[in-house]
Amino acid sequence: LLDASAFIQTLEARQGLKICCPEEIAWRMGYITGEALEALARPLANSGYGRYLLELLEDDAR
């Protein structure tokens, strides 16, 4: 289990992507809007996970 978590951590660090992020998947597949993603991410903005979700929206706006 430790090996699996180290592998995921390495993958996320190298690729700059989160593995199995339900909010991101729902947004990319069109199940939720950008506004809905932002509403989900705002309360989490003080965490790395929340910042990641908000950065997805910022990158998409460019």
C-alpha atoms as a PDB file:
ATOM      1  CA  LEU A   1       0.000   0.000   0.000  1.00  0.00           C
ATOM      2  CA  LEU A   2       2.883   2.324   0.775  1.00  0.00           C
ATOM      3  CA  ASP A   3       4.399   1.598  -2.643  1.00  0.00           C
ATOM      4  CA  ALA A   4       1.096   2.414  -4.345  1.00  0.00           C
ATOM      5  CA  SER A   5       0.762   5.728  -2.544  1.00  0.00           C
ATOM      6  CA  ALA A   6       4.375   6.654  -3.344  1.00  0.00           C
ATOM      7  CA  PHE A   7       3.726   5.841  -7.008  1.00  0.00           C
ATOM      8  CA  ILE A   8       0.623   8.075  -7.108  1.00  0.00           C
ATOM      9  CA  GLN A   9       2.477  10.877  -5.336  1.00  0.00           C
ATOM     10  CA  THR A  10       5.309  10.680  -7.880  1.00  0.00           C
ATOM     11  CA  LEU A  11       2.887  10.651 -10.811  1.00  0.00           C
ATOM     12  CA  GLU A  12       1.000  13.681  -9.512  1.00  0.00           C
ATOM     13  CA  ALA A  13       4.218  15.605  -8.895  1.00  0.00           C
ATOM     14  CA  ARG A  14       5.703  14.845 -12.314  1.00  0.00           C
ATOM     15  CA  GLN A  15       2.563  15.455 -14.352  1.00  0.00           C
ATOM     16  CA  GLY A  16       1.015  18.244 -12.294  1.00  0.00           C
ATOM     17  CA  LEU A  17      -2.296  16.405 -12.336  1.00  0.00           C
ATOM     18  CA  LYS A  18      -4.377  14.835  -9.597  1.00  0.00           C
ATOM     19  CA  ILE A  19      -5.219  11.165  -9.869  1.00  0.00           C
ATOM     20  CA  CYS A  20      -8.937  10.424  -9.493  1.00  0.00           C
ATOM     21  CA  CYS A  21     -10.290  13.900  -8.825  1.00  0.00           C
ATOM     22  CA  PRO A  22     -14.094  13.457  -9.100  1.00  0.00           C
ATOM     23  CA  GLU A  23     -14.811  17.173  -9.506  1.00  0.00           C
ATOM     24  CA  GLU A  24     -12.306  17.507 -12.345  1.00  0.00           C
ATOM     25  CA  ILE A  25     -13.647  14.417 -14.095  1.00  0.00           C
ATOM     26  CA  ALA A  26     -17.250  15.653 -13.834  1.00  0.00           C
ATOM     27  CA  TRP A  27     -16.259  19.066 -15.197  1.00  0.00           C
ATOM     28  CA  ARG A  28     -14.183  17.697 -18.085  1.00  0.00           C
ATOM     29  CA  MET A  29     -16.985  15.313 -19.072  1.00  0.00           C
ATOM     30  CA  GLY A  30     -19.543  18.143 -19.031  1.00  0.00           C
ATOM     31  CA  TYR A  31     -21.547  16.847 -16.071  1.00  0.00           C
ATOM     32  CA  ILE A  32     -20.977  20.096 -14.158  1.00  0.00           C
ATOM     33  CA  THR A  33     -20.289  23.648 -15.344  1.00  0.00           C
ATOM     34  CA  GLY A  34     -17.286  25.783 -14.575  1.00  0.00           C
ATOM     35  CA  GLU A  35     -19.457  27.744 -12.164  1.00  0.00           C
ATOM     36  CA  ALA A  36     -20.369  24.550 -10.320  1.00  0.00           C
ATOM     37  CA  LEU A  37     -16.720  23.514 -10.183  1.00  0.00           C
ATOM     38  CA  GLU A  38     -15.810  26.906  -8.750  1.00  0.00           C
ATOM     39  CA  ALA A  39     -18.568  26.623  -6.137  1.00  0.00           C
ATOM     40  CA  LEU A  40     -17.163  23.258  -5.084  1.00  0.00           C
ATOM     41  CA  ALA A  41     -13.575  24.519  -5.053  1.00  0.00           C
ATOM     42  CA  ARG A  42     -14.016  27.836  -3.201  1.00  0.00           C
ATOM     43  CA  PRO A  43     -14.582  26.300   0.267  1.00  0.00           C
ATOM     44  CA  LEU A  44     -11.415  24.238  -0.287  1.00  0.00           C
ATOM     45  CA  ALA A  45      -9.300  27.158  -1.520  1.00  0.00           C
ATOM     46  CA  ASN A  46      -6.953  26.961   1.476  1.00  0.00           C
ATOM     47  CA  SER A  47      -5.916  23.417   0.562  1.00  0.00           C
ATOM     48  CA  GLY A  48      -3.773  22.167  -2.281  1.00  0.00           C
ATOM     49  CA  TYR A  49      -6.754  20.254  -3.630  1.00  0.00           C
ATOM     50  CA  GLY A  50      -8.949  23.358  -3.767  1.00  0.00           C
ATOM     51  CA  ARG A  51      -6.180  25.421  -5.348  1.00  0.00           C
ATOM     52  CA  TYR A  52      -5.738  22.673  -7.961  1.00  0.00           C
ATOM     53  CA  LEU A  53      -9.433  22.857  -8.884  1.00  0.00           C
ATOM     54  CA  LEU A  54      -9.343  26.648  -9.145  1.00  0.00           C
ATOM     55  CA  GLU A  55      -6.205  26.483 -11.296  1.00  0.00           C
ATOM     56  CA  LEU A  56      -8.055  24.187 -13.708  1.00  0.00           C
ATOM     57  CA  LEU A  57     -10.585  26.956 -14.270  1.00  0.00           C
ATOM     58  CA  GLU A  58      -7.895  29.616 -14.609  1.00  0.00           C
ATOM     59  CA  ASP A  59      -6.000  27.529 -17.165  1.00  0.00           C
ATOM     60  CA  ASP A  60      -9.215  26.902 -19.102  1.00  0.00           C
ATOM     61  CA  ALA A  61      -9.941  30.643 -19.257  1.00  0.00           C
ATOM     62  CA  ARG A  62      -6.612  31.323 -20.996  1.00  0.00           C
END
